[in-house]
Amino acid sequence: MRFLVAFALLSLSQITFAQNLQDQFTDLRDNSETFKEYKVIKIYELNRFWKGVTDTLKTNSTTITELKKKIASHDDEIKKLSNTLAESKANMLDLEFGVEHIIIFGLPISKTAYQVLNFTIIVTLLILIAFLVFKYNERRSTAREKINAFNNLEEKFADYQKTALEKQMKLRRELQTERNKLEQIRGIS
């Protein structure tokens, strides 16, 4: 691109200078005298023309030098801008990475993966809590049943002991009654 700009500027200046030289040459040819088929050119006019040619060449040389300097300066500027652009792109990529990732335990993880991980952990913990609550309630109800069963068994045992004691007392009374009867029958005989 810079080469095209420099070439266009150089071409434009050369066309202008070439046109001036062409005009001077045409004036020199048309204003000179003719001798047979030859043109006689006055030395001062020829010197003036040559001075125009050398001035044009010097001007072109100066223009070329200035354009080369401009090209070199533009090259430096382009290099600086390219470096700046590369740094900007690198910074932008770092910023994008920073926006899209989060660092956990020194490892970069994308925010989406982090959200999925957190959601999974939360759901897993909720399921675990629900499972533990269910198991707690199940064991609590089992414990209540066992306590109720124990209480019922204890009541039945107490009732059994009471009835057994009553039977034992009844049997002792009957036995005592029978002993008394036996002693009476032995005492009579």
C-alpha atoms as a PDB file:
ATOM      1  CA  MET A   1       0.000   0.000   0.000  1.00  0.00           C
ATOM      2  CA  ARG A   2       2.728   2.453   0.988  1.00  0.00           C
ATOM      3  CA  PHE A   3       4.612   1.523  -2.166  1.00  0.00           C
ATOM      4  CA  LEU A   4       1.578   2.370  -4.289  1.00  0.00           C
ATOM      5  CA  VAL A   5       1.184   5.749  -2.621  1.00  0.00           C
ATOM      6  CA  ALA A   6       4.874   6.566  -3.080  1.00  0.00           C
ATOM      7  CA  PHE A   7       4.789   5.357  -6.677  1.00  0.00           C
ATOM      8  CA  ALA A   8       1.721   7.478  -7.404  1.00  0.00           C
ATOM      9  CA  LEU A   9       3.356  10.576  -5.911  1.00  0.00           C
ATOM     10  CA  LEU A  10       6.603   9.934  -7.810  1.00  0.00           C
ATOM     11  CA  SER A  11       4.756   9.302 -11.057  1.00  0.00           C
ATOM     12  CA  LEU A  12       2.721  12.463 -10.633  1.00  0.00           C
ATOM     13  CA  SER A  13       5.807  14.592  -9.996  1.00  0.00           C
ATOM     14  CA  GLN A  14       7.690  12.992 -12.904  1.00  0.00           C
ATOM     15  CA  ILE A  15       4.761  13.604 -15.236  1.00  0.00           C
ATOM     16  CA  THR A  16       4.726  17.272 -14.206  1.00  0.00           C
ATOM     17  CA  PHE A  17       8.465  17.632 -14.664  1.00  0.00           C
ATOM     18  CA  ALA A  18       8.409  15.677 -17.924  1.00  0.00           C
ATOM     19  CA  GLN A  19       5.660  17.941 -19.200  1.00  0.00           C
ATOM     20  CA  ASN A  20       7.761  21.008 -18.323  1.00  0.00           C
ATOM     21  CA  LEU A  21      10.773  19.507 -20.137  1.00  0.00           C
ATOM     22  CA  GLN A  22       8.598  18.612 -23.104  1.00  0.00           C
ATOM     23  CA  ASP A  23       7.308  22.173 -23.256  1.00  0.00           C
ATOM     24  CA  GLN A  24      10.850  23.578 -23.033  1.00  0.00           C
ATOM     25  CA  PHE A  25      12.076  21.184 -25.741  1.00  0.00           C
ATOM     26  CA  THR A  26       9.178  22.099 -28.004  1.00  0.00           C
ATOM     27  CA  ASP A  27       9.923  25.803 -27.473  1.00  0.00           C
ATOM     28  CA  LEU A  28      13.602  25.180 -28.160  1.00  0.00           C
ATOM     29  CA  ARG A  29      12.874  23.319 -31.387  1.00  0.00           C
ATOM     30  CA  ASP A  30      10.189  25.644 -32.626  1.00  0.00           C
ATOM     31  CA  ASN A  31      12.082  28.856 -31.838  1.00  0.00           C
ATOM     32  CA  SER A  32      15.404  27.698 -33.305  1.00  0.00           C
ATOM     33  CA  GLU A  33      16.460  28.571 -36.825  1.00  0.00           C
ATOM     34  CA  THR A  34      16.607  26.028 -39.567  1.00  0.00           C
ATOM     35  CA  PHE A  35      19.595  25.559 -41.818  1.00  0.00           C
ATOM     36  CA  LYS A  36      18.845  23.080 -44.560  1.00  0.00           C
ATOM     37  CA  GLU A  37      17.455  20.139 -42.689  1.00  0.00           C
ATOM     38  CA  TYR A  38      19.284  20.995 -39.458  1.00  0.00           C
ATOM     39  CA  LYS A  39      18.145  23.080 -36.592  1.00  0.00           C
ATOM     40  CA  VAL A  40      20.504  25.658 -35.238  1.00  0.00           C
ATOM     41  CA  ILE A  41      20.115  26.127 -31.505  1.00  0.00           C
ATOM     42  CA  LYS A  42      21.631  29.018 -29.701  1.00  0.00           C
ATOM     43  CA  ILE A  43      24.021  27.980 -26.989  1.00  0.00           C
ATOM     44  CA  TYR A  44      22.400  30.025 -24.240  1.00  0.00           C
ATOM     45  CA  GLU A  45      19.050  28.405 -25.105  1.00  0.00           C
ATOM     46  CA  LEU A  46      20.663  24.990 -25.113  1.00  0.00           C
ATOM     47  CA  ASN A  47      22.306  25.798 -21.765  1.00  0.00           C
ATOM     48  CA  ARG A  48      18.992  27.017 -20.430  1.00  0.00           C
ATOM     49  CA  PHE A  49      17.359  23.770 -21.581  1.00  0.00           C
ATOM     50  CA  TRP A  50      20.170  21.707 -20.050  1.00  0.00           C
ATOM     51  CA  LYS A  51      19.840  23.679 -16.819  1.00  0.00           C
ATOM     52  CA  GLY A  52      16.116  22.813 -16.837  1.00  0.00           C
ATOM     53  CA  VAL A  53      16.978  19.136 -17.376  1.00  0.00           C
ATOM     54  CA  THR A  54      19.513  19.081 -14.541  1.00  0.00           C
ATOM     55  CA  ASP A  55      17.151  21.038 -12.273  1.00  0.00           C
ATOM     56  CA  THR A  56      14.429  18.547 -13.090  1.00  0.00           C
ATOM     57  CA  LEU A  57      16.769  15.642 -12.376  1.00  0.00           C
ATOM     58  CA  LYS A  58      17.886  17.239  -9.102  1.00  0.00           C
ATOM     59  CA  THR A  59      14.298  17.931  -8.165  1.00  0.00           C
ATOM     60  CA  ASN A  60      13.355  14.348  -9.054  1.00  0.00           C
ATOM     61  CA  SER A  61      16.315  13.043  -7.078  1.00  0.00           C
ATOM     62  CA  THR A  62      15.350  15.195  -4.095  1.00  0.00           C
ATOM     63  CA  THR A  63      11.729  14.085  -4.421  1.00  0.00           C
ATOM     64  CA  ILE A  64      12.801  10.448  -4.627  1.00  0.00           C
ATOM     65  CA  THR A  65      14.974  10.866  -1.524  1.00  0.00           C
ATOM     66  CA  GLU A  66      12.152  12.572   0.356  1.00  0.00           C
ATOM     67  CA  LEU A  67       9.711   9.861  -0.724  1.00  0.00           C
ATOM     68  CA  LYS A  68      12.147   7.159   0.383  1.00  0.00           C
ATOM     69  CA  LYS A  69      12.404   8.890   3.765  1.00  0.00           C
ATOM     70  CA  LYS A  70       8.611   9.109   3.943  1.00  0.00           C
ATOM     71  CA  ILE A  71       8.368   5.425   3.007  1.00  0.00           C
ATOM     72  CA  ALA A  72      10.923   4.538   5.697  1.00  0.00           C
ATOM     73  CA  SER A  73       9.058   6.657   8.245  1.00  0.00           C
ATOM     74  CA  HIS A  74       5.760   5.085   7.175  1.00  0.00           C
ATOM     75  CA  ASP A  75       7.369   1.641   7.444  1.00  0.00           C
ATOM     76  CA  ASP A  76       8.466   2.457  11.000  1.00  0.00           C
ATOM     77  CA  GLU A  77       5.022   3.771  11.815  1.00  0.00           C
ATOM     78  CA  ILE A  78       3.412   0.673  10.299  1.00  0.00           C
ATOM     79  CA  LYS A  79       5.729  -1.549  12.354  1.00  0.00           C
ATOM     80  CA  LYS A  80       4.882   0.387  15.516  1.00  0.00           C
ATOM     81  CA  LEU A  81       1.174   0.215  14.709  1.00  0.00           C
ATOM     82  CA  SER A  82       1.484  -3.506  13.925  1.00  0.00           C
ATOM     83  CA  ASN A  83       3.204  -4.076  17.270  1.00  0.00           C
ATOM     84  CA  THR A  84       0.580  -1.995  19.026  1.00  0.00           C
ATOM     85  CA  LEU A  85      -2.155  -3.949  17.231  1.00  0.00           C
ATOM     86  CA  ALA A  86      -0.541  -7.258  18.194  1.00  0.00           C
ATOM     87  CA  GLU A  87      -0.290  -6.114  21.829  1.00  0.00           C
ATOM     88  CA  SER A  88      -3.893  -4.925  21.724  1.00  0.00           C
ATOM     89  CA  LYS A  89      -5.020  -8.260  20.295  1.00  0.00           C
ATOM     90  CA  ALA A  90      -3.044 -10.115  22.972  1.00  0.00           C
ATOM     91  CA  ASN A  91      -4.551  -7.897  25.685  1.00  0.00           C
ATOM     92  CA  MET A  92      -8.010  -8.375  24.204  1.00  0.00           C
ATOM     93  CA  LEU A  93      -7.523 -12.158  24.166  1.00  0.00           C
ATOM     94  CA  ASP A  94      -6.346 -12.020  27.788  1.00  0.00           C
ATOM     95  CA  LEU A  95      -9.380  -9.926  28.713  1.00  0.00           C
ATOM     96  CA  GLU A  96     -11.730 -12.266  26.843  1.00  0.00           C
ATOM     97  CA  PHE A  97     -10.103 -15.211  28.597  1.00  0.00           C
ATOM     98  CA  GLY A  98     -10.517 -13.416  31.921  1.00  0.00           C
ATOM     99  CA  VAL A  99     -14.166 -12.687  31.186  1.00  0.00           C
ATOM    100  CA  GLU A 100     -14.941 -16.233  30.050  1.00  0.00           C
ATOM    101  CA  HIS A 101     -12.920 -18.097  32.716  1.00  0.00           C
ATOM    102  CA  ILE A 102     -12.515 -18.204  36.453  1.00  0.00           C
ATOM    103  CA  ILE A 103      -9.437 -19.451  38.318  1.00  0.00           C
ATOM    104  CA  ILE A 104     -10.103 -22.126  40.950  1.00  0.00           C
ATOM    105  CA  PHE A 105      -7.176 -23.704  42.789  1.00  0.00           C
ATOM    106  CA  GLY A 106      -4.857 -22.220  40.149  1.00  0.00           C
ATOM    107  CA  LEU A 107      -6.711 -23.850  37.264  1.00  0.00           C
ATOM    108  CA  PRO A 108      -8.650 -21.813  34.701  1.00  0.00           C
ATOM    109  CA  ILE A 109     -12.209 -23.097  34.294  1.00  0.00           C
ATOM    110  CA  SER A 110     -14.776 -21.642  31.938  1.00  0.00           C
ATOM    111  CA  LYS A 111     -17.615 -19.878  33.693  1.00  0.00           C
ATOM    112  CA  THR A 112     -20.153 -22.177  32.044  1.00  0.00           C
ATOM    113  CA  ALA A 113     -18.334 -25.248  33.347  1.00  0.00           C
ATOM    114  CA  TYR A 114     -18.101 -23.579  36.762  1.00  0.00           C
ATOM    115  CA  GLN A 115     -21.841 -22.909  36.776  1.00  0.00           C
ATOM    116  CA  VAL A 116     -22.573 -26.494  35.712  1.00  0.00           C
ATOM    117  CA  LEU A 117     -20.205 -27.769  38.410  1.00  0.00           C
ATOM    118  CA  ASN A 118     -21.855 -25.600  41.080  1.00  0.00           C
ATOM    119  CA  PHE A 119     -25.343 -26.612  39.912  1.00  0.00           C
ATOM    120  CA  THR A 120     -24.306 -30.279  40.002  1.00  0.00           C
ATOM    121  CA  ILE A 121     -22.827 -29.910  43.486  1.00  0.00           C
ATOM    122  CA  ILE A 122     -25.939 -28.120  44.758  1.00  0.00           C
ATOM    123  CA  VAL A 123     -28.303 -30.696  43.238  1.00  0.00           C
ATOM    124  CA  THR A 124     -26.149 -33.531  44.618  1.00  0.00           C
ATOM    125  CA  LEU A 125     -26.156 -31.947  48.080  1.00  0.00           C
ATOM    126  CA  LEU A 126     -29.940 -31.417  47.926  1.00  0.00           C
ATOM    127  CA  ILE A 127     -30.434 -35.063  46.920  1.00  0.00           C
ATOM    128  CA  LEU A 128     -28.087 -36.155  49.709  1.00  0.00           C
ATOM    129  CA  ILE A 129     -29.930 -33.991  52.249  1.00  0.00           C
ATOM    130  CA  ALA A 130     -33.289 -35.347  51.056  1.00  0.00           C
ATOM    131  CA  PHE A 131     -31.918 -38.893  51.311  1.00  0.00           C
ATOM    132  CA  LEU A 132     -30.578 -38.239  54.829  1.00  0.00           C
ATOM    133  CA  VAL A 133     -33.874 -36.645  55.930  1.00  0.00           C
ATOM    134  CA  PHE A 134     -35.773 -39.618  54.489  1.00  0.00           C
ATOM    135  CA  LYS A 135     -33.448 -42.073  56.261  1.00  0.00           C
ATOM    136  CA  TYR A 136     -33.693 -40.067  59.495  1.00  0.00           C
ATOM    137  CA  ASN A 137     -37.494 -40.081  59.345  1.00  0.00           C
ATOM    138  CA  GLU A 138     -37.486 -43.769  58.463  1.00  0.00           C
ATOM    139  CA  ARG A 139     -35.215 -44.628  61.395  1.00  0.00           C
ATOM    140  CA  ARG A 140     -37.142 -42.338  63.682  1.00  0.00           C
ATOM    141  CA  SER A 141     -40.402 -44.050  62.759  1.00  0.00           C
ATOM    142  CA  THR A 142     -38.694 -47.449  63.153  1.00  0.00           C
ATOM    143  CA  ALA A 143     -37.420 -46.363  66.575  1.00  0.00           C
ATOM    144  CA  ARG A 144     -40.945 -45.217  67.548  1.00  0.00           C
ATOM    145  CA  GLU A 145     -42.357 -48.527  66.398  1.00  0.00           C
ATOM    146  CA  LYS A 146     -39.760 -50.406  68.422  1.00  0.00           C
ATOM    147  CA  ILE A 147     -40.382 -48.206  71.472  1.00  0.00           C
ATOM    148  CA  ASN A 148     -44.138 -48.739  71.062  1.00  0.00           C
ATOM    149  CA  ALA A 149     -43.586 -52.454  70.572  1.00  0.00           C
ATOM    150  CA  PHE A 150     -41.344 -52.520  73.674  1.00  0.00           C
ATOM    151  CA  ASN A 151     -43.930 -50.575  75.672  1.00  0.00           C
ATOM    152  CA  ASN A 152     -46.666 -52.959  74.495  1.00  0.00           C
ATOM    153  CA  LEU A 153     -44.451 -55.918  75.319  1.00  0.00           C
ATOM    154  CA  GLU A 154     -43.652 -54.436  78.725  1.00  0.00           C
ATOM    155  CA  GLU A 155     -47.358 -53.883  79.391  1.00  0.00           C
ATOM    156  CA  LYS A 156     -48.128 -57.435  78.284  1.00  0.00           C
ATOM    157  CA  PHE A 157     -45.297 -58.719  80.451  1.00  0.00           C
ATOM    158  CA  ALA A 158     -46.577 -56.686  83.394  1.00  0.00           C
ATOM    159  CA  ASP A 159     -50.059 -58.069  82.744  1.00  0.00           C
ATOM    160  CA  TYR A 160     -48.596 -61.575  82.444  1.00  0.00           C
ATOM    161  CA  GLN A 161     -46.676 -61.139  85.692  1.00  0.00           C
ATOM    162  CA  LYS A 162     -49.792 -59.868  87.387  1.00  0.00           C
ATOM    163  CA  THR A 163     -51.891 -62.762  86.134  1.00  0.00           C
ATOM    164  CA  ALA A 164     -49.085 -65.208  86.895  1.00  0.00           C
ATOM    165  CA  LEU A 165     -48.788 -63.787  90.410  1.00  0.00           C
ATOM    166  CA  GLU A 166     -52.559 -64.004  90.835  1.00  0.00           C
ATOM    167  CA  LYS A 167     -52.511 -67.603  89.605  1.00  0.00           C
ATOM    168  CA  GLN A 168     -49.614 -68.390  91.892  1.00  0.00           C
ATOM    169  CA  MET A 169     -51.428 -66.844  94.834  1.00  0.00           C
ATOM    170  CA  LYS A 170     -54.588 -68.696  93.891  1.00  0.00           C
ATOM    171  CA  LEU A 171     -52.625 -71.933  93.617  1.00  0.00           C
ATOM    172  CA  ARG A 172     -50.960 -71.273  97.006  1.00  0.00           C
ATOM    173  CA  ARG A 173     -54.344 -70.663  98.578  1.00  0.00           C
ATOM    174  CA  GLU A 174     -55.693 -73.818  97.025  1.00  0.00           C
ATOM    175  CA  LEU A 175     -52.571 -75.673  98.098  1.00  0.00           C
ATOM    176  CA  GLN A 176     -52.912 -74.250 101.616  1.00  0.00           C
ATOM    177  CA  THR A 177     -56.562 -75.173 101.623  1.00  0.00           C
ATOM    178  CA  GLU A 178     -55.680 -78.693 100.514  1.00  0.00           C
ATOM    179  CA  ARG A 179     -52.912 -78.884 103.164  1.00  0.00           C
ATOM    180  CA  ASN A 180     -55.334 -77.716 105.774  1.00  0.00           C
ATOM    181  CA  LYS A 181     -57.821 -80.320 104.639  1.00  0.00           C
ATOM    182  CA  LEU A 182     -55.114 -82.950 104.634  1.00  0.00           C
ATOM    183  CA  GLU A 183     -54.023 -81.954 108.133  1.00  0.00           C
ATOM    184  CA  GLN A 184     -57.597 -82.074 109.266  1.00  0.00           C
ATOM    185  CA  ILE A 185     -58.010 -85.502 107.790  1.00  0.00           C
ATOM    186  CA  ARG A 186     -54.756 -86.625 109.456  1.00  0.00           C
ATOM    187  CA  GLY A 187     -55.685 -84.978 112.667  1.00  0.00           C
ATOM    188  CA  ILE A 188     -58.954 -86.845 112.828  1.00  0.00           C
ATOM    189  CA  SER A 189     -57.498 -90.133 112.244  1.00  0.00           C
END
